[in-house]
């Protein structure tokens, strides 16, 4: 496994986030019809939302190979997007980003980190479960609205689930 460097996104990183996400989404082409999927949002749009964006690279200061975008929501934080370029997959970048997001949310005093993902896609729900997330029911208006948005954007081609990581202090 390659050493992963995780840092807060810089303005230069923000300019590349949409390309990283669009590249990562190509992995779904063998599973789903991507015709209805929207192109990735620009990094500047992501940066305008309350929360944080972290990027991963092979070495400190090198080009971002992946990112995690976490937004503040009522009752916690929400992992809105995790994307890693396919050429850099299976090297620990995704796990490093999730672990950094969990730590950052905990430091920010949040009590839980939620996400929505595909249940049967190996690099989705099973991966997040290995990072400490468990399936849960959407229990806030924000999280229930995400289910409707997924349907509207054509993301409901496979079984979608909410997963939650309870952010207690490490023992």
N, C-alpha and C. Protein backbone atom coordinates (compact mmCIF):
# COMPACT_ATOMS: atom_id res chain seq x y z
N UNK A 1 0.84 -1.18 0.00
CA UNK A 1 0.00 0.00 0.00
C UNK A 1 0.88 1.24 0.00
N UNK A 2 0.50 2.22 -0.79
CA UNK A 2 1.23 3.48 -0.92
C UNK A 2 0.98 4.35 0.31
N UNK A 3 1.95 5.12 0.70
CA UNK A 3 1.76 6.10 1.76
C UNK A 3 0.80 7.17 1.24
N UNK A 4 -0.18 7.54 2.04
CA UNK A 4 -1.15 8.54 1.63
C UNK A 4 -0.97 9.80 2.44
N UNK A 5 -0.99 10.92 1.77
CA UNK A 5 -0.95 12.23 2.42
C UNK A 5 -2.34 12.85 2.30
N UNK A 6 -2.92 13.25 3.43
CA UNK A 6 -4.24 13.87 3.44
C UNK A 6 -4.09 15.29 3.95
N UNK A 7 -4.73 16.23 3.25
CA UNK A 7 -4.65 17.64 3.63
C UNK A 7 -5.97 18.32 3.30
N UNK A 8 -6.17 19.51 3.83
CA UNK A 8 -7.32 20.33 3.44
C UNK A 8 -7.15 20.75 1.99
N UNK A 9 -8.26 20.81 1.28
CA UNK A 9 -8.21 21.19 -0.14
C UNK A 9 -7.76 22.63 -0.29
N UNK A 10 -6.88 22.85 -1.26
CA UNK A 10 -6.42 24.19 -1.62
C UNK A 10 -7.26 24.69 -2.80
N UNK A 11 -7.15 25.98 -3.16
CA UNK A 11 -7.84 26.46 -4.36
C UNK A 11 -7.47 25.67 -5.62
N UNK A 12 -6.21 25.27 -5.75
CA UNK A 12 -5.80 24.47 -6.91
C UNK A 12 -6.48 23.11 -6.88
N UNK A 13 -6.61 22.51 -5.70
CA UNK A 13 -7.30 21.22 -5.57
C UNK A 13 -8.78 21.36 -5.96
N UNK A 14 -9.41 22.44 -5.51
CA UNK A 14 -10.84 22.65 -5.80
C UNK A 14 -11.11 22.62 -7.30
N UNK A 15 -10.18 23.14 -8.07
CA UNK A 15 -10.35 23.19 -9.53
C UNK A 15 -10.34 21.79 -10.14
N UNK A 16 -9.81 20.80 -9.44
CA UNK A 16 -9.70 19.44 -9.97
C UNK A 16 -10.75 18.46 -9.44
N UNK A 17 -11.53 18.88 -8.43
CA UNK A 17 -12.45 17.93 -7.79
C UNK A 17 -13.46 17.34 -8.76
N UNK A 18 -14.03 18.18 -9.64
CA UNK A 18 -15.04 17.66 -10.57
C UNK A 18 -14.44 16.59 -11.48
N UNK A 19 -13.20 16.78 -11.91
CA UNK A 19 -12.56 15.80 -12.79
C UNK A 19 -12.29 14.50 -12.04
N UNK A 20 -11.90 14.59 -10.78
CA UNK A 20 -11.67 13.39 -9.97
C UNK A 20 -12.98 12.62 -9.81
N UNK A 21 -14.05 13.34 -9.48
CA UNK A 21 -15.34 12.68 -9.28
C UNK A 21 -15.86 12.06 -10.58
N UNK A 22 -15.80 12.80 -11.67
CA UNK A 22 -16.26 12.25 -12.95
C UNK A 22 -15.45 11.01 -13.34
N UNK A 23 -14.15 11.05 -13.09
CA UNK A 23 -13.29 9.91 -13.38
C UNK A 23 -13.70 8.71 -12.51
N UNK A 24 -13.90 8.94 -11.22
CA UNK A 24 -14.30 7.86 -10.31
C UNK A 24 -15.66 7.29 -10.68
N UNK A 25 -16.57 8.12 -11.15
CA UNK A 25 -17.91 7.64 -11.51
C UNK A 25 -17.89 6.65 -12.66
N UNK A 26 -16.83 6.65 -13.46
CA UNK A 26 -16.77 5.69 -14.57
C UNK A 26 -16.76 4.25 -14.07
N UNK A 27 -16.36 4.03 -12.81
CA UNK A 27 -16.37 2.69 -12.25
C UNK A 27 -17.79 2.12 -12.18
N UNK A 28 -18.79 2.99 -12.13
CA UNK A 28 -20.18 2.53 -12.03
C UNK A 28 -20.75 2.13 -13.39
N UNK A 29 -20.06 2.44 -14.47
CA UNK A 29 -20.60 2.20 -15.82
C UNK A 29 -20.91 0.73 -16.07
N UNK A 30 -20.17 -0.17 -15.46
CA UNK A 30 -20.44 -1.59 -15.66
C UNK A 30 -21.62 -2.09 -14.83
N UNK A 31 -22.07 -1.27 -13.88
CA UNK A 31 -23.16 -1.67 -12.99
C UNK A 31 -24.48 -0.96 -13.28
N UNK A 32 -24.40 0.29 -13.70
CA UNK A 32 -25.59 1.12 -13.85
C UNK A 32 -25.53 1.89 -15.16
N UNK A 33 -26.68 2.37 -15.57
CA UNK A 33 -26.74 3.29 -16.69
C UNK A 33 -26.38 4.68 -16.16
N UNK A 34 -25.34 5.27 -16.71
CA UNK A 34 -24.90 6.59 -16.23
C UNK A 34 -25.54 7.73 -17.01
N UNK A 35 -26.41 7.43 -17.96
CA UNK A 35 -27.00 8.46 -18.83
C UNK A 35 -27.70 9.54 -18.02
N UNK A 36 -28.37 9.18 -16.94
CA UNK A 36 -29.13 10.16 -16.15
C UNK A 36 -28.27 10.85 -15.09
N UNK A 37 -27.06 10.38 -14.88
CA UNK A 37 -26.22 10.96 -13.84
C UNK A 37 -25.77 12.36 -14.25
N UNK A 38 -25.75 13.23 -13.31
CA UNK A 38 -25.32 14.61 -13.54
C UNK A 38 -23.79 14.67 -13.48
N UNK A 39 -23.18 15.59 -14.26
CA UNK A 39 -21.74 15.78 -14.10
C UNK A 39 -21.44 16.30 -12.69
N UNK A 40 -20.25 16.08 -12.25
CA UNK A 40 -19.86 16.50 -10.90
C UNK A 40 -19.94 18.01 -10.75
N UNK A 41 -20.26 18.42 -9.55
CA UNK A 41 -20.31 19.85 -9.22
C UNK A 41 -18.89 20.41 -9.17
N UNK A 42 -18.72 21.67 -9.54
CA UNK A 42 -17.39 22.29 -9.42
C UNK A 42 -16.95 22.35 -7.95
N UNK A 43 -15.66 22.24 -7.74
CA UNK A 43 -15.12 22.32 -6.38
C UNK A 43 -15.49 23.61 -5.68
N UNK A 44 -15.61 24.70 -6.43
CA UNK A 44 -15.97 25.98 -5.80
C UNK A 44 -17.38 25.91 -5.21
N UNK A 45 -18.28 25.17 -5.86
CA UNK A 45 -19.63 24.98 -5.30
C UNK A 45 -19.54 24.18 -4.00
N UNK A 46 -18.74 23.14 -4.01
CA UNK A 46 -18.58 22.33 -2.79
C UNK A 46 -18.01 23.18 -1.65
N UNK A 47 -17.01 23.98 -1.96
CA UNK A 47 -16.35 24.79 -0.93
C UNK A 47 -17.28 25.84 -0.34
N UNK A 48 -18.35 26.19 -1.05
CA UNK A 48 -19.28 27.19 -0.55
C UNK A 48 -20.26 26.67 0.49
N UNK A 49 -20.27 25.37 0.73
CA UNK A 49 -21.18 24.78 1.71
C UNK A 49 -20.48 24.64 3.05
N UNK A 50 -21.20 24.80 4.15
CA UNK A 50 -20.58 24.59 5.46
C UNK A 50 -20.07 23.16 5.60
N UNK A 51 -18.86 23.02 6.03
CA UNK A 51 -18.24 21.71 6.19
C UNK A 51 -16.77 21.78 5.82
N UNK A 52 -16.25 20.70 5.24
CA UNK A 52 -14.84 20.68 4.87
C UNK A 52 -14.59 19.72 3.72
N UNK A 53 -13.48 19.94 3.04
CA UNK A 53 -13.03 19.08 1.95
C UNK A 53 -11.57 18.72 2.21
N UNK A 54 -11.30 17.43 2.18
CA UNK A 54 -9.94 16.93 2.32
C UNK A 54 -9.55 16.23 1.03
N UNK A 55 -8.28 16.30 0.68
CA UNK A 55 -7.78 15.61 -0.50
C UNK A 55 -6.66 14.66 -0.11
N UNK A 56 -6.51 13.61 -0.91
CA UNK A 56 -5.45 12.64 -0.70
C UNK A 56 -4.53 12.64 -1.90
N UNK A 57 -3.24 12.45 -1.62
CA UNK A 57 -2.24 12.33 -2.67
C UNK A 57 -1.19 11.33 -2.20
N UNK A 58 -0.30 10.95 -3.12
CA UNK A 58 0.76 10.00 -2.76
C UNK A 58 1.79 10.62 -1.84
N UNK A 59 2.09 11.89 -2.04
CA UNK A 59 3.07 12.59 -1.21
C UNK A 59 2.54 13.98 -0.90
N UNK A 60 3.01 14.55 0.19
CA UNK A 60 2.58 15.89 0.59
C UNK A 60 2.80 16.88 -0.54
N UNK A 61 1.75 17.63 -0.85
CA UNK A 61 1.85 18.68 -1.86
C UNK A 61 1.69 18.22 -3.29
N UNK A 62 1.63 16.91 -3.54
CA UNK A 62 1.47 16.45 -4.92
C UNK A 62 0.00 16.52 -5.33
N UNK A 63 -0.28 16.27 -6.58
CA UNK A 63 -1.63 16.40 -7.12
C UNK A 63 -2.61 15.49 -6.39
N UNK A 64 -3.79 16.01 -6.15
CA UNK A 64 -4.84 15.24 -5.48
C UNK A 64 -5.27 14.07 -6.36
N UNK A 65 -5.40 12.91 -5.73
CA UNK A 65 -5.87 11.70 -6.41
C UNK A 65 -7.27 11.31 -5.95
N UNK A 66 -7.71 11.94 -4.87
CA UNK A 66 -9.03 11.67 -4.33
C UNK A 66 -9.43 12.75 -3.37
N UNK A 67 -10.71 12.77 -3.02
CA UNK A 67 -11.19 13.76 -2.06
C UNK A 67 -12.40 13.23 -1.30
N UNK A 68 -12.63 13.83 -0.16
CA UNK A 68 -13.85 13.60 0.62
C UNK A 68 -14.44 14.97 0.92
N UNK A 69 -15.75 15.09 0.72
CA UNK A 69 -16.47 16.32 1.01
C UNK A 69 -17.48 16.01 2.11
N UNK A 70 -17.35 16.70 3.24
CA UNK A 70 -18.23 16.51 4.39
C UNK A 70 -18.97 17.82 4.63
N UNK A 71 -20.30 17.73 4.72
CA UNK A 71 -21.12 18.92 4.96
C UNK A 71 -21.73 18.84 6.35
N UNK A 72 -21.91 20.02 6.94
CA UNK A 72 -22.60 20.11 8.23
C UNK A 72 -24.09 19.96 8.00
N UNK A 73 -24.71 19.13 8.84
CA UNK A 73 -26.17 18.97 8.78
C UNK A 73 -26.71 19.02 10.20
N UNK A 74 -28.00 19.22 10.36
CA UNK A 74 -28.57 19.16 11.71
C UNK A 74 -28.28 17.81 12.36
N UNK A 75 -27.69 17.83 13.52
CA UNK A 75 -27.42 16.61 14.25
C UNK A 75 -26.12 15.91 13.92
N UNK A 76 -25.25 16.51 13.11
CA UNK A 76 -23.98 15.86 12.81
C UNK A 76 -23.35 16.39 11.55
N UNK A 77 -22.53 15.56 10.94
CA UNK A 77 -21.91 15.84 9.65
C UNK A 77 -22.37 14.76 8.67
N UNK A 78 -22.28 15.06 7.38
CA UNK A 78 -22.69 14.11 6.34
C UNK A 78 -21.58 14.00 5.31
N UNK A 79 -21.10 12.79 5.07
CA UNK A 79 -20.10 12.54 4.06
C UNK A 79 -20.83 12.57 2.72
N UNK A 80 -20.74 13.69 2.06
CA UNK A 80 -21.50 13.92 0.83
C UNK A 80 -20.87 13.22 -0.37
N UNK A 81 -19.53 13.19 -0.41
CA UNK A 81 -18.86 12.57 -1.56
C UNK A 81 -17.48 12.06 -1.17
N UNK A 82 -17.18 10.86 -1.63
CA UNK A 82 -15.83 10.32 -1.56
C UNK A 82 -15.51 9.83 -2.96
N UNK A 83 -14.46 10.35 -3.54
CA UNK A 83 -14.05 9.94 -4.88
C UNK A 83 -12.54 9.78 -4.92
N UNK A 84 -12.10 8.70 -5.58
CA UNK A 84 -10.68 8.45 -5.82
C UNK A 84 -10.54 8.06 -7.28
N UNK A 85 -9.56 8.63 -7.94
CA UNK A 85 -9.32 8.28 -9.34
C UNK A 85 -9.11 6.77 -9.45
N UNK A 86 -9.73 6.12 -10.46
CA UNK A 86 -9.55 4.68 -10.62
C UNK A 86 -8.07 4.28 -10.75
N UNK A 87 -7.26 5.12 -11.35
CA UNK A 87 -5.83 4.80 -11.49
C UNK A 87 -5.12 4.77 -10.15
N UNK A 88 -5.74 5.32 -9.10
CA UNK A 88 -5.14 5.34 -7.77
C UNK A 88 -5.92 4.49 -6.77
N UNK A 89 -6.90 3.72 -7.26
CA UNK A 89 -7.73 2.94 -6.35
C UNK A 89 -6.96 1.74 -5.80
N UNK A 90 -7.50 1.21 -4.69
CA UNK A 90 -6.96 0.03 -4.02
C UNK A 90 -5.54 0.27 -3.48
N UNK A 91 -5.28 1.55 -3.14
CA UNK A 91 -3.97 1.90 -2.58
C UNK A 91 -4.10 2.56 -1.21
N UNK A 92 -5.32 2.58 -0.65
CA UNK A 92 -5.52 3.12 0.69
C UNK A 92 -5.95 4.57 0.76
N UNK A 93 -6.07 5.24 -0.39
CA UNK A 93 -6.44 6.65 -0.36
C UNK A 93 -7.86 6.85 0.17
N UNK A 94 -8.80 6.03 -0.27
CA UNK A 94 -10.18 6.16 0.18
C UNK A 94 -10.30 5.95 1.68
N UNK A 95 -9.67 4.91 2.18
CA UNK A 95 -9.72 4.63 3.62
C UNK A 95 -9.07 5.77 4.41
N UNK A 96 -7.95 6.27 3.93
CA UNK A 96 -7.28 7.38 4.62
C UNK A 96 -8.19 8.61 4.66
N UNK A 97 -8.89 8.86 3.57
CA UNK A 97 -9.82 10.01 3.53
C UNK A 97 -10.98 9.82 4.50
N UNK A 98 -11.55 8.62 4.54
CA UNK A 98 -12.67 8.36 5.47
C UNK A 98 -12.19 8.50 6.91
N UNK A 99 -11.04 7.92 7.23
CA UNK A 99 -10.52 8.03 8.60
C UNK A 99 -10.24 9.47 8.97
N UNK A 100 -9.71 10.26 8.04
CA UNK A 100 -9.46 11.68 8.31
C UNK A 100 -10.76 12.44 8.49
N UNK A 101 -11.79 12.09 7.72
CA UNK A 101 -13.10 12.75 7.85
C UNK A 101 -13.73 12.43 9.20
N UNK A 102 -13.63 11.18 9.64
CA UNK A 102 -14.16 10.79 10.95
C UNK A 102 -13.44 11.59 12.04
N UNK A 103 -12.13 11.65 11.96
CA UNK A 103 -11.34 12.39 12.97
C UNK A 103 -11.68 13.87 12.96
N UNK A 104 -11.79 14.47 11.78
CA UNK A 104 -12.09 15.90 11.68
C UNK A 104 -13.49 16.20 12.23
N UNK A 105 -14.46 15.36 11.91
CA UNK A 105 -15.82 15.57 12.44
C UNK A 105 -15.83 15.45 13.95
N UNK A 106 -15.11 14.47 14.48
CA UNK A 106 -15.02 14.29 15.93
C UNK A 106 -14.40 15.53 16.57
N UNK A 107 -13.29 16.04 15.98
CA UNK A 107 -12.64 17.24 16.52
C UNK A 107 -13.57 18.45 16.49
N UNK A 108 -14.46 18.49 15.52
CA UNK A 108 -15.40 19.60 15.39
C UNK A 108 -16.58 19.47 16.36
N UNK A 109 -16.56 18.42 17.18
CA UNK A 109 -17.60 18.24 18.19
C UNK A 109 -18.87 17.58 17.67
N UNK A 110 -18.81 17.02 16.48
CA UNK A 110 -19.99 16.36 15.92
C UNK A 110 -20.15 14.99 16.57
N UNK A 111 -21.39 14.52 16.67
CA UNK A 111 -21.64 13.24 17.35
C UNK A 111 -21.84 12.08 16.38
N UNK A 112 -22.07 12.40 15.10
CA UNK A 112 -22.19 11.32 14.12
C UNK A 112 -21.85 11.84 12.73
N UNK A 113 -21.46 10.88 11.88
CA UNK A 113 -21.17 11.16 10.49
C UNK A 113 -22.04 10.19 9.68
N UNK A 114 -22.87 10.72 8.80
CA UNK A 114 -23.76 9.89 7.99
C UNK A 114 -23.31 9.91 6.54
N UNK A 115 -23.85 8.99 5.76
CA UNK A 115 -23.64 8.97 4.32
C UNK A 115 -24.75 8.15 3.69
N UNK A 116 -24.90 8.26 2.37
CA UNK A 116 -25.82 7.43 1.59
C UNK A 116 -24.99 6.76 0.51
N UNK A 117 -25.27 5.48 0.27
CA UNK A 117 -24.44 4.73 -0.66
C UNK A 117 -25.19 3.53 -1.21
N UNK A 118 -24.56 2.84 -2.16
CA UNK A 118 -25.12 1.61 -2.72
C UNK A 118 -24.79 0.44 -1.81
N UNK A 119 -25.81 -0.36 -1.49
CA UNK A 119 -25.65 -1.46 -0.55
C UNK A 119 -24.79 -2.58 -1.08
N UNK A 120 -24.94 -2.93 -2.37
CA UNK A 120 -24.27 -4.12 -2.88
C UNK A 120 -23.01 -3.84 -3.69
N UNK A 121 -22.63 -2.61 -3.84
CA UNK A 121 -21.40 -2.29 -4.58
C UNK A 121 -20.22 -2.46 -3.62
N UNK A 122 -19.27 -3.34 -3.94
CA UNK A 122 -18.19 -3.67 -2.99
C UNK A 122 -17.41 -2.46 -2.47
N UNK A 123 -17.18 -1.48 -3.32
CA UNK A 123 -16.41 -0.32 -2.86
C UNK A 123 -17.32 0.76 -2.26
N UNK A 124 -18.56 0.41 -1.98
CA UNK A 124 -19.50 1.31 -1.31
C UNK A 124 -19.82 0.77 0.08
N UNK A 125 -21.05 0.31 0.32
CA UNK A 125 -21.47 -0.07 1.68
C UNK A 125 -20.51 -1.05 2.37
N UNK A 126 -20.06 -2.13 1.70
CA UNK A 126 -19.13 -3.02 2.41
C UNK A 126 -17.83 -2.31 2.83
N UNK A 127 -17.34 -1.43 1.98
CA UNK A 127 -16.15 -0.66 2.33
C UNK A 127 -16.42 0.23 3.55
N UNK A 128 -17.54 0.98 3.52
CA UNK A 128 -17.84 1.87 4.64
C UNK A 128 -18.06 1.09 5.93
N UNK A 129 -18.66 -0.11 5.83
CA UNK A 129 -18.84 -0.95 7.03
C UNK A 129 -17.48 -1.29 7.63
N UNK A 130 -16.49 -1.54 6.77
CA UNK A 130 -15.15 -1.85 7.27
C UNK A 130 -14.48 -0.64 7.93
N UNK A 131 -15.06 0.54 7.70
CA UNK A 131 -14.55 1.78 8.31
C UNK A 131 -15.35 2.18 9.55
N UNK A 132 -16.29 1.33 9.98
CA UNK A 132 -17.04 1.60 11.20
C UNK A 132 -18.44 2.16 11.01
N UNK A 133 -18.92 2.26 9.79
CA UNK A 133 -20.28 2.73 9.53
C UNK A 133 -21.25 1.55 9.61
N UNK A 134 -22.47 1.81 10.07
CA UNK A 134 -23.52 0.80 10.12
C UNK A 134 -24.77 1.34 9.43
N UNK A 135 -25.56 0.44 8.86
CA UNK A 135 -26.80 0.86 8.22
C UNK A 135 -27.75 1.43 9.27
N UNK A 136 -28.47 2.48 8.87
CA UNK A 136 -29.42 3.14 9.76
C UNK A 136 -30.53 3.74 8.91
N UNK A 137 -31.65 4.01 9.53
CA UNK A 137 -32.76 4.66 8.83
C UNK A 137 -32.54 6.17 8.80
N UNK A 138 -32.90 6.83 7.70
CA UNK A 138 -32.86 8.30 7.67
C UNK A 138 -33.79 8.83 8.76
N UNK A 139 -33.25 9.61 9.69
CA UNK A 139 -34.04 10.04 10.84
C UNK A 139 -34.16 11.55 11.00
N UNK A 140 -33.78 12.30 9.98
CA UNK A 140 -33.98 13.75 10.01
C UNK A 140 -34.59 14.16 8.68
N UNK A 141 -35.16 15.35 8.64
CA UNK A 141 -35.72 15.85 7.39
C UNK A 141 -34.66 15.90 6.30
N UNK A 142 -33.45 16.36 6.64
CA UNK A 142 -32.37 16.44 5.66
C UNK A 142 -32.09 15.07 5.05
N UNK A 143 -31.93 14.06 5.90
CA UNK A 143 -31.59 12.72 5.41
C UNK A 143 -32.73 12.10 4.61
N UNK A 144 -33.97 12.34 5.01
CA UNK A 144 -35.11 11.83 4.23
C UNK A 144 -35.20 12.53 2.89
N UNK A 145 -34.87 13.81 2.83
CA UNK A 145 -34.88 14.55 1.56
C UNK A 145 -33.81 14.00 0.61
N UNK A 146 -32.70 13.52 1.13
CA UNK A 146 -31.67 12.93 0.28
C UNK A 146 -32.21 11.73 -0.51
N UNK A 147 -33.08 10.95 0.12
CA UNK A 147 -33.67 9.80 -0.58
C UNK A 147 -34.44 10.28 -1.81
N UNK A 148 -35.21 11.35 -1.66
CA UNK A 148 -35.98 11.90 -2.78
C UNK A 148 -35.05 12.48 -3.85
N UNK A 149 -33.98 13.14 -3.43
CA UNK A 149 -33.02 13.68 -4.40
C UNK A 149 -32.33 12.57 -5.19
N UNK A 150 -32.00 11.48 -4.54
CA UNK A 150 -31.39 10.35 -5.24
C UNK A 150 -32.31 9.84 -6.34
N UNK A 151 -33.60 9.75 -6.03
CA UNK A 151 -34.58 9.30 -7.02
C UNK A 151 -34.65 10.29 -8.18
N UNK A 152 -34.69 11.57 -7.85
CA UNK A 152 -34.79 12.60 -8.87
C UNK A 152 -33.58 12.59 -9.81
N UNK A 153 -32.39 12.31 -9.27
CA UNK A 153 -31.16 12.33 -10.07
C UNK A 153 -30.81 10.96 -10.67
N UNK A 154 -31.69 9.98 -10.53
CA UNK A 154 -31.45 8.68 -11.14
C UNK A 154 -30.42 7.83 -10.43
N UNK A 155 -30.18 8.09 -9.15
CA UNK A 155 -29.19 7.31 -8.40
C UNK A 155 -29.81 6.08 -7.75
N UNK A 156 -31.08 5.84 -7.97
CA UNK A 156 -31.79 4.75 -7.32
C UNK A 156 -31.83 3.49 -8.18
N UNK A 157 -30.79 3.25 -8.97
CA UNK A 157 -30.74 2.08 -9.85
C UNK A 157 -30.37 0.81 -9.09
N UNK A 158 -29.84 0.94 -7.92
CA UNK A 158 -29.52 -0.17 -7.04
C UNK A 158 -30.01 0.19 -5.65
N UNK A 159 -29.99 -0.78 -4.74
CA UNK A 159 -30.46 -0.49 -3.38
C UNK A 159 -29.53 0.50 -2.69
N UNK A 160 -30.11 1.60 -2.25
CA UNK A 160 -29.36 2.64 -1.55
C UNK A 160 -29.64 2.53 -0.05
N UNK A 161 -28.64 2.82 0.75
CA UNK A 161 -28.78 2.77 2.20
C UNK A 161 -28.12 4.00 2.82
N UNK A 162 -28.62 4.33 3.99
CA UNK A 162 -27.92 5.31 4.82
C UNK A 162 -27.02 4.53 5.75
N UNK A 163 -25.86 5.08 5.99
CA UNK A 163 -24.94 4.50 6.96
C UNK A 163 -24.50 5.60 7.91
N UNK A 164 -24.27 5.21 9.17
CA UNK A 164 -23.92 6.17 10.21
C UNK A 164 -22.71 5.67 10.99
N UNK A 165 -21.82 6.59 11.29
CA UNK A 165 -20.66 6.31 12.16
C UNK A 165 -20.85 7.18 13.39
N UNK A 166 -20.99 6.53 14.55
CA UNK A 166 -21.12 7.27 15.80
C UNK A 166 -19.74 7.75 16.22
N UNK A 167 -19.64 9.04 16.48
CA UNK A 167 -18.32 9.65 16.74
C UNK A 167 -18.08 9.81 18.23
N UNK A 168 -17.76 8.70 18.86
CA UNK A 168 -17.40 8.74 20.27
C UNK A 168 -15.89 8.89 20.36
N UNK A 169 -15.43 9.29 21.50
CA UNK A 169 -13.98 9.43 21.70
C UNK A 169 -13.31 8.06 21.61
N UNK A 170 -12.18 7.97 20.94
CA UNK A 170 -11.49 6.68 20.86
C UNK A 170 -11.07 6.21 22.25
N UNK A 171 -11.11 4.91 22.46
CA UNK A 171 -10.76 4.33 23.78
C UNK A 171 -9.26 4.24 23.94
